[in-house]
Amino acid sequence: MKKKILFFATLALIVWTVASCMDDGDCGFCKNVTYDNGVKINETGETEYCGENYAAQKSKQDVVIGSLVTTTVCR
């Protein structure tokens, strides 16, 4: 009986996790790009964000350290 409850609780958690990003409808992929004097020198892999997390990524300000500028690019 305990195994069945644990199984269904785990299944419900997985379904909720997957559905949480699908229900928002406002999802996108973002990555960080670093430029040195306007020349791209580094780029991270894209990560999917949804809902409030996606909005937060899109509104991030550029980080400037000397001639290095790191910006978040979303699509």
PDB file of N, CA and C in Angstrom:
ATOM      1  N   MET A   1       0.811  -1.193   0.000  1.00  0.00           N
ATOM      2  CA  MET A   1       0.000   0.000   0.000  1.00  0.00           C
ATOM      3  C   MET A   1       0.858   1.264   0.000  1.00  0.00           C
ATOM      4  N   LYS A   2       1.928   1.263   0.797  1.00  0.00           N
ATOM      5  CA  LYS A   2       2.817   2.417   0.864  1.00  0.00           C
ATOM      6  C   LYS A   2       3.513   2.641  -0.486  1.00  0.00           C
ATOM      7  N   LYS A   3       3.839   1.543  -1.174  1.00  0.00           N
ATOM      8  CA  LYS A   3       4.496   1.664  -2.476  1.00  0.00           C
ATOM      9  C   LYS A   3       3.562   2.314  -3.493  1.00  0.00           C
ATOM     10  N   LYS A   4       2.273   1.998  -3.441  1.00  0.00           N
ATOM     11  CA  LYS A   4       1.307   2.582  -4.370  1.00  0.00           C
ATOM     12  C   LYS A   4       1.162   4.078  -4.116  1.00  0.00           C
ATOM     13  N   ILE A   5       1.093   4.446  -2.856  1.00  0.00           N
ATOM     14  CA  ILE A   5       0.968   5.859  -2.508  1.00  0.00           C
ATOM     15  C   ILE A   5       2.211   6.616  -2.957  1.00  0.00           C
ATOM     16  N   LEU A   6       3.383   6.053  -2.695  1.00  0.00           N
ATOM     17  CA  LEU A   6       4.636   6.674  -3.104  1.00  0.00           C
ATOM     18  C   LEU A   6       4.711   6.788  -4.623  1.00  0.00           C
ATOM     19  N   PHE A   7       4.283   5.742  -5.324  1.00  0.00           N
ATOM     20  CA  PHE A   7       4.298   5.754  -6.782  1.00  0.00           C
ATOM     21  C   PHE A   7       3.415   6.871  -7.324  1.00  0.00           C
ATOM     22  N   PHE A   8       2.177   6.981  -6.832  1.00  0.00           N
ATOM     23  CA  PHE A   8       1.255   7.994  -7.325  1.00  0.00           C
ATOM     24  C   PHE A   8       1.691   9.412  -6.929  1.00  0.00           C
ATOM     25  N   ALA A   9       2.283   9.549  -5.773  1.00  0.00           N
ATOM     26  CA  ALA A   9       2.783  10.862  -5.363  1.00  0.00           C
ATOM     27  C   ALA A   9       3.937  11.292  -6.265  1.00  0.00           C
ATOM     28  N   THR A  10       4.828  10.362  -6.583  1.00  0.00           N
ATOM     29  CA  THR A  10       5.948  10.655  -7.478  1.00  0.00           C
ATOM     30  C   THR A  10       5.442  10.974  -8.876  1.00  0.00           C
ATOM     31  N   LEU A  11       4.485  10.205  -9.351  1.00  0.00           N
ATOM     32  CA  LEU A  11       3.903  10.437 -10.665  1.00  0.00           C
ATOM     33  C   LEU A  11       3.233  11.806 -10.729  1.00  0.00           C
ATOM     34  N   ALA A  12       2.506  12.168  -9.701  1.00  0.00           N
ATOM     35  CA  ALA A  12       1.844  13.471  -9.657  1.00  0.00           C
ATOM     36  C   ALA A  12       2.867  14.607  -9.670  1.00  0.00           C
ATOM     37  N   LEU A  13       3.970  14.443  -8.961  1.00  0.00           N
ATOM     38  CA  LEU A  13       5.031  15.444  -8.940  1.00  0.00           C
ATOM     39  C   LEU A  13       5.647  15.612 -10.322  1.00  0.00           C
ATOM     40  N   ILE A  14       5.891  14.525 -11.001  1.00  0.00           N
ATOM     41  CA  ILE A  14       6.479  14.582 -12.345  1.00  0.00           C
ATOM     42  C   ILE A  14       5.517  15.273 -13.314  1.00  0.00           C
ATOM     43  N   VAL A  15       4.257  14.902 -13.268  1.00  0.00           N
ATOM     44  CA  VAL A  15       3.266  15.516 -14.158  1.00  0.00           C
ATOM     45  C   VAL A  15       3.149  17.008 -13.867  1.00  0.00           C
ATOM     46  N   TRP A  16       3.114  17.395 -12.598  1.00  0.00           N
ATOM     47  CA  TRP A  16       3.036  18.804 -12.231  1.00  0.00           C
ATOM     48  C   TRP A  16       4.254  19.569 -12.727  1.00  0.00           C
ATOM     49  N   THR A  17       5.450  18.982 -12.601  1.00  0.00           N
ATOM     50  CA  THR A  17       6.672  19.635 -13.031  1.00  0.00           C
ATOM     51  C   THR A  17       6.665  19.869 -14.540  1.00  0.00           C
ATOM     52  N   VAL A  18       6.293  18.873 -15.295  1.00  0.00           N
ATOM     53  CA  VAL A  18       6.266  19.001 -16.749  1.00  0.00           C
ATOM     54  C   VAL A  18       5.173  19.976 -17.171  1.00  0.00           C
ATOM     55  N   ALA A  19       4.021  19.887 -16.564  1.00  0.00           N
ATOM     56  CA  ALA A  19       2.884  20.730 -16.947  1.00  0.00           C
ATOM     57  C   ALA A  19       3.078  22.185 -16.534  1.00  0.00           C
ATOM     58  N   SER A  20       3.870  22.439 -15.517  1.00  0.00           N
ATOM     59  CA  SER A  20       4.038  23.810 -15.047  1.00  0.00           C
ATOM     60  C   SER A  20       4.641  24.697 -16.121  1.00  0.00           C
ATOM     61  N   CYS A  21       5.528  24.162 -16.915  1.00  0.00           N
ATOM     62  CA  CYS A  21       6.119  24.955 -17.975  1.00  0.00           C
ATOM     63  C   CYS A  21       5.199  24.989 -19.187  1.00  0.00           C
ATOM     64  N   MET A  22       4.459  23.949 -19.430  1.00  0.00           N
ATOM     65  CA  MET A  22       3.585  23.893 -20.590  1.00  0.00           C
ATOM     66  C   MET A  22       2.364  24.794 -20.417  1.00  0.00           C
ATOM     67  N   ASP A  23       1.851  24.951 -19.222  1.00  0.00           N
ATOM     68  CA  ASP A  23       0.648  25.725 -18.978  1.00  0.00           C
ATOM     69  C   ASP A  23       0.870  27.220 -19.114  1.00  0.00           C
ATOM     70  N   ASP A  24       2.078  27.682 -18.842  1.00  0.00           N
ATOM     71  CA  ASP A  24       2.342  29.114 -18.850  1.00  0.00           C
ATOM     72  C   ASP A  24       2.160  29.720 -20.237  1.00  0.00           C
ATOM     73  N   GLY A  25       2.533  29.009 -21.257  1.00  0.00           N
ATOM     74  CA  GLY A  25       2.424  29.536 -22.596  1.00  0.00           C
ATOM     75  C   GLY A  25       3.464  30.608 -22.878  1.00  0.00           C
ATOM     76  N   ASP A  26       4.076  31.148 -21.859  1.00  0.00           N
ATOM     77  CA  ASP A  26       5.098  32.174 -22.013  1.00  0.00           C
ATOM     78  C   ASP A  26       6.440  31.557 -21.659  1.00  0.00           C
ATOM     79  N   CYS A  27       6.985  30.797 -22.587  1.00  0.00           N
ATOM     80  CA  CYS A  27       8.262  30.128 -22.365  1.00  0.00           C
ATOM     81  C   CYS A  27       9.245  30.552 -23.442  1.00  0.00           C
ATOM     82  N   GLY A  28      10.509  30.440 -23.134  1.00  0.00           N
ATOM     83  CA  GLY A  28      11.536  30.767 -24.110  1.00  0.00           C
ATOM     84  C   GLY A  28      12.881  30.250 -23.645  1.00  0.00           C
ATOM     85  N   PHE A  29      13.839  30.353 -24.546  1.00  0.00           N
ATOM     86  CA  PHE A  29      15.194  29.913 -24.267  1.00  0.00           C
ATOM     87  C   PHE A  29      16.088  31.136 -24.140  1.00  0.00           C
ATOM     88  N   CYS A  30      16.942  31.134 -23.127  1.00  0.00           N
ATOM     89  CA  CYS A  30      17.853  32.259 -22.884  1.00  0.00           C
ATOM     90  C   CYS A  30      19.274  31.743 -22.709  1.00  0.00           C
ATOM     91  N   LYS A  31      20.214  32.610 -23.072  1.00  0.00           N
ATOM     92  CA  LYS A  31      21.632  32.297 -22.885  1.00  0.00           C
ATOM     93  C   LYS A  31      22.356  33.586 -22.538  1.00  0.00           C
ATOM     94  N   ASN A  32      23.523  33.456 -21.941  1.00  0.00           N
ATOM     95  CA  ASN A  32      24.367  34.599 -21.617  1.00  0.00           C
ATOM     96  C   ASN A  32      25.462  34.712 -22.669  1.00  0.00           C
ATOM     97  N   VAL A  33      25.685  35.935 -23.143  1.00  0.00           N
ATOM     98  CA  VAL A  33      26.717  36.189 -24.143  1.00  0.00           C
ATOM     99  C   VAL A  33      27.631  37.281 -23.599  1.00  0.00           C
ATOM    100  N   THR A  34      28.946  37.041 -23.668  1.00  0.00           N
ATOM    101  CA  THR A  34      29.927  38.013 -23.183  1.00  0.00           C
ATOM    102  C   THR A  34      30.694  38.594 -24.368  1.00  0.00           C
ATOM    103  N   TYR A  35      30.801  39.929 -24.366  1.00  0.00           N
ATOM    104  CA  TYR A  35      31.513  40.651 -25.416  1.00  0.00           C
ATOM    105  C   TYR A  35      32.680  41.392 -24.805  1.00  0.00           C
ATOM    106  N   ASP A  36      33.792  41.470 -25.551  1.00  0.00           N
ATOM    107  CA  ASP A  36      34.948  42.274 -25.168  1.00  0.00           C
ATOM    108  C   ASP A  36      35.154  43.297 -26.281  1.00  0.00           C
ATOM    109  N   ASN A  37      34.887  44.553 -25.974  1.00  0.00           N
ATOM    110  CA  ASN A  37      34.951  45.633 -26.967  1.00  0.00           C
ATOM    111  C   ASN A  37      34.108  45.311 -28.195  1.00  0.00           C
ATOM    112  N   GLY A  38      32.926  44.766 -27.993  1.00  0.00           N
ATOM    113  CA  GLY A  38      32.006  44.489 -29.090  1.00  0.00           C
ATOM    114  C   GLY A  38      32.223  43.169 -29.801  1.00  0.00           C
ATOM    115  N   VAL A  39      33.236  42.400 -29.409  1.00  0.00           N
ATOM    116  CA  VAL A  39      33.529  41.113 -30.036  1.00  0.00           C
ATOM    117  C   VAL A  39      33.085  39.996 -29.096  1.00  0.00           C
ATOM    118  N   LYS A  40      32.248  39.081 -29.612  1.00  0.00           N
ATOM    119  CA  LYS A  40      31.760  37.980 -28.777  1.00  0.00           C
ATOM    120  C   LYS A  40      32.920  37.068 -28.410  1.00  0.00           C
ATOM    121  N   ILE A  41      33.089  36.838 -27.093  1.00  0.00           N
ATOM    122  CA  ILE A  41      34.184  35.978 -26.643  1.00  0.00           C
ATOM    123  C   ILE A  41      33.692  34.729 -25.918  1.00  0.00           C
ATOM    124  N   ASN A  42      32.423  34.741 -25.459  1.00  0.00           N
ATOM    125  CA  ASN A  42      31.910  33.582 -24.731  1.00  0.00           C
ATOM    126  C   ASN A  42      30.394  33.542 -24.861  1.00  0.00           C
ATOM    127  N   GLU A  43      29.855  32.316 -24.860  1.00  0.00           N
ATOM    128  CA  GLU A  43      28.413  32.123 -24.963  1.00  0.00           C
ATOM    129  C   GLU A  43      28.053  30.853 -24.214  1.00  0.00           C
ATOM    130  N   THR A  44      27.037  30.940 -23.346  1.00  0.00           N
ATOM    131  CA  THR A  44      26.599  29.759 -22.612  1.00  0.00           C
ATOM    132  C   THR A  44      25.565  29.012 -23.432  1.00  0.00           C
ATOM    133  N   GLY A  45      25.270  27.797 -23.043  1.00  0.00           N
ATOM    134  CA  GLY A  45      24.206  27.040 -23.686  1.00  0.00           C
ATOM    135  C   GLY A  45      22.855  27.616 -23.314  1.00  0.00           C
ATOM    136  N   GLU A  46      21.858  27.350 -24.133  1.00  0.00           N
ATOM    137  CA  GLU A  46      20.516  27.868 -23.876  1.00  0.00           C
ATOM    138  C   GLU A  46      19.810  27.026 -22.817  1.00  0.00           C
ATOM    139  N   THR A  47      19.022  27.698 -22.003  1.00  0.00           N
ATOM    140  CA  THR A  47      18.215  27.058 -20.978  1.00  0.00           C
ATOM    141  C   THR A  47      16.781  27.534 -21.144  1.00  0.00           C
ATOM    142  N   GLU A  48      15.810  26.618 -20.982  1.00  0.00           N
ATOM    143  CA  GLU A  48      14.412  26.997 -21.123  1.00  0.00           C
ATOM    144  C   GLU A  48      13.887  27.564 -19.806  1.00  0.00           C
ATOM    145  N   TYR A  49      13.200  28.684 -19.913  1.00  0.00           N
ATOM    146  CA  TYR A  49      12.569  29.325 -18.768  1.00  0.00           C
ATOM    147  C   TYR A  49      11.097  29.556 -19.103  1.00  0.00           C
ATOM    148  N   CYS A  50      10.237  29.526 -18.082  1.00  0.00           N
ATOM    149  CA  CYS A  50       8.810  29.735 -18.283  1.00  0.00           C
ATOM    150  C   CYS A  50       8.259  30.672 -17.217  1.00  0.00           C
ATOM    151  N   GLY A  51       7.168  31.357 -17.577  1.00  0.00           N
ATOM    152  CA  GLY A  51       6.452  32.196 -16.628  1.00  0.00           C
ATOM    153  C   GLY A  51       7.305  33.304 -16.047  1.00  0.00           C
ATOM    154  N   GLU A  52       7.278  33.427 -14.726  1.00  0.00           N
ATOM    155  CA  GLU A  52       8.003  34.493 -14.039  1.00  0.00           C
ATOM    156  C   GLU A  52       9.511  34.379 -14.241  1.00  0.00           C
ATOM    157  N   ASN A  53      10.016  33.146 -14.316  1.00  0.00           N
ATOM    158  CA  ASN A  53      11.450  32.963 -14.531  1.00  0.00           C
ATOM    159  C   ASN A  53      11.868  33.496 -15.896  1.00  0.00           C
ATOM    160  N   TYR A  54      11.037  33.280 -16.907  1.00  0.00           N
ATOM    161  CA  TYR A  54      11.326  33.785 -18.252  1.00  0.00           C
ATOM    162  C   TYR A  54      11.277  35.310 -18.267  1.00  0.00           C
ATOM    163  N   ALA A  55      10.283  35.888 -17.624  1.00  0.00           N
ATOM    164  CA  ALA A  55      10.175  37.347 -17.555  1.00  0.00           C
ATOM    165  C   ALA A  55      11.390  37.947 -16.847  1.00  0.00           C
ATOM    166  N   ALA A  56      11.853  37.283 -15.796  1.00  0.00           N
ATOM    167  CA  ALA A  56      13.027  37.766 -15.065  1.00  0.00           C
ATOM    168  C   ALA A  56      14.279  37.713 -15.935  1.00  0.00           C
ATOM    169  N   GLN A  57      14.415  36.651 -16.723  1.00  0.00           N
ATOM    170  CA  GLN A  57      15.575  36.534 -17.603  1.00  0.00           C
ATOM    171  C   GLN A  57      15.559  37.621 -18.671  1.00  0.00           C
ATOM    172  N   LYS A  58      14.379  37.889 -19.242  1.00  0.00           N
ATOM    173  CA  LYS A  58      14.267  38.900 -20.293  1.00  0.00           C
ATOM    174  C   LYS A  58      14.543  40.304 -19.764  1.00  0.00           C
ATOM    175  N   SER A  59      14.286  40.538 -18.486  1.00  0.00           N
ATOM    176  CA  SER A  59      14.461  41.879 -17.937  1.00  0.00           C
ATOM    177  C   SER A  59      15.829  42.094 -17.279  1.00  0.00           C
ATOM    178  N   LYS A  60      16.714  41.114 -17.344  1.00  0.00           N
ATOM    179  CA  LYS A  60      18.036  41.263 -16.740  1.00  0.00           C
ATOM    180  C   LYS A  60      18.807  42.389 -17.411  1.00  0.00           C
ATOM    181  N   GLN A  61      19.501  43.165 -16.595  1.00  0.00           N
ATOM    182  CA  GLN A  61      20.351  44.241 -17.087  1.00  0.00           C
ATOM    183  C   GLN A  61      21.710  43.680 -17.494  1.00  0.00           C
ATOM    184  N   ASP A  62      22.369  44.341 -18.428  1.00  0.00           N
ATOM    185  CA  ASP A  62      23.714  43.933 -18.827  1.00  0.00           C
ATOM    186  C   ASP A  62      24.674  44.133 -17.651  1.00  0.00           C
ATOM    187  N   VAL A  63      25.675  43.254 -17.578  1.00  0.00           N
ATOM    188  CA  VAL A  63      26.713  43.372 -16.551  1.00  0.00           C
ATOM    189  C   VAL A  63      27.970  43.863 -17.247  1.00  0.00           C
ATOM    190  N   VAL A  64      28.483  45.010 -16.798  1.00  0.00           N
ATOM    191  CA  VAL A  64      29.648  45.622 -17.418  1.00  0.00           C
ATOM    192  C   VAL A  64      30.793  45.619 -16.418  1.00  0.00           C
ATOM    193  N   ILE A  65      31.912  45.015 -16.837  1.00  0.00           N
ATOM    194  CA  ILE A  65      33.134  45.019 -16.028  1.00  0.00           C
ATOM    195  C   ILE A  65      34.273  45.410 -16.969  1.00  0.00           C
ATOM    196  N   GLY A  66      34.705  46.648 -16.842  1.00  0.00           N
ATOM    197  CA  GLY A  66      35.738  47.150 -17.749  1.00  0.00           C
ATOM    198  C   GLY A  66      35.229  47.122 -19.186  1.00  0.00           C
ATOM    199  N   SER A  67      35.961  46.420 -20.065  1.00  0.00           N
ATOM    200  CA  SER A  67      35.553  46.330 -21.470  1.00  0.00           C
ATOM    201  C   SER A  67      34.667  45.109 -21.731  1.00  0.00           C
ATOM    202  N   LEU A  68      34.400  44.320 -20.686  1.00  0.00           N
ATOM    203  CA  LEU A  68      33.565  43.133 -20.847  1.00  0.00           C
ATOM    204  C   LEU A  68      32.098  43.465 -20.570  1.00  0.00           C
ATOM    205  N   VAL A  69      31.230  43.024 -21.451  1.00  0.00           N
ATOM    206  CA  VAL A  69      29.796  43.219 -21.281  1.00  0.00           C
ATOM    207  C   VAL A  69      29.128  41.852 -21.416  1.00  0.00           C
ATOM    208  N   THR A  70      28.389  41.435 -20.385  1.00  0.00           N
ATOM    209  CA  THR A  70      27.658  40.183 -20.431  1.00  0.00           C
ATOM    210  C   THR A  70      26.168  40.515 -20.481  1.00  0.00           C
ATOM    211  N   THR A  71      25.500  39.972 -21.490  1.00  0.00           N
ATOM    212  CA  THR A  71      24.084  40.246 -21.693  1.00  0.00           C
ATOM    213  C   THR A  71      23.320  38.930 -21.801  1.00  0.00           C
ATOM    214  N   THR A  72      22.050  38.962 -21.433  1.00  0.00           N
ATOM    215  CA  THR A  72      21.189  37.798 -21.552  1.00  0.00           C
ATOM    216  C   THR A  72      20.366  37.945 -22.821  1.00  0.00           C
ATOM    217  N   VAL A  73      20.429  36.915 -23.686  1.00  0.00           N
ATOM    218  CA  VAL A  73      19.719  36.921 -24.955  1.00  0.00           C
ATOM    219  C   VAL A  73      18.651  35.842 -24.894  1.00  0.00           C
ATOM    220  N   CYS A  74      17.397  36.241 -25.144  1.00  0.00           N
ATOM    221  CA  CYS A  74      16.280  35.287 -25.116  1.00  0.00           C
ATOM    222  C   CYS A  74      15.620  35.219 -26.478  1.00  0.00           C
ATOM    223  N   ARG A  75      15.107  34.022 -26.786  1.00  0.00           N
ATOM    224  CA  ARG A  75      14.351  33.844 -28.033  1.00  0.00           C
ATOM    225  C   ARG A  75      13.080  33.112 -27.751  1.00  0.00           C
TER     226      ARG A  75
END
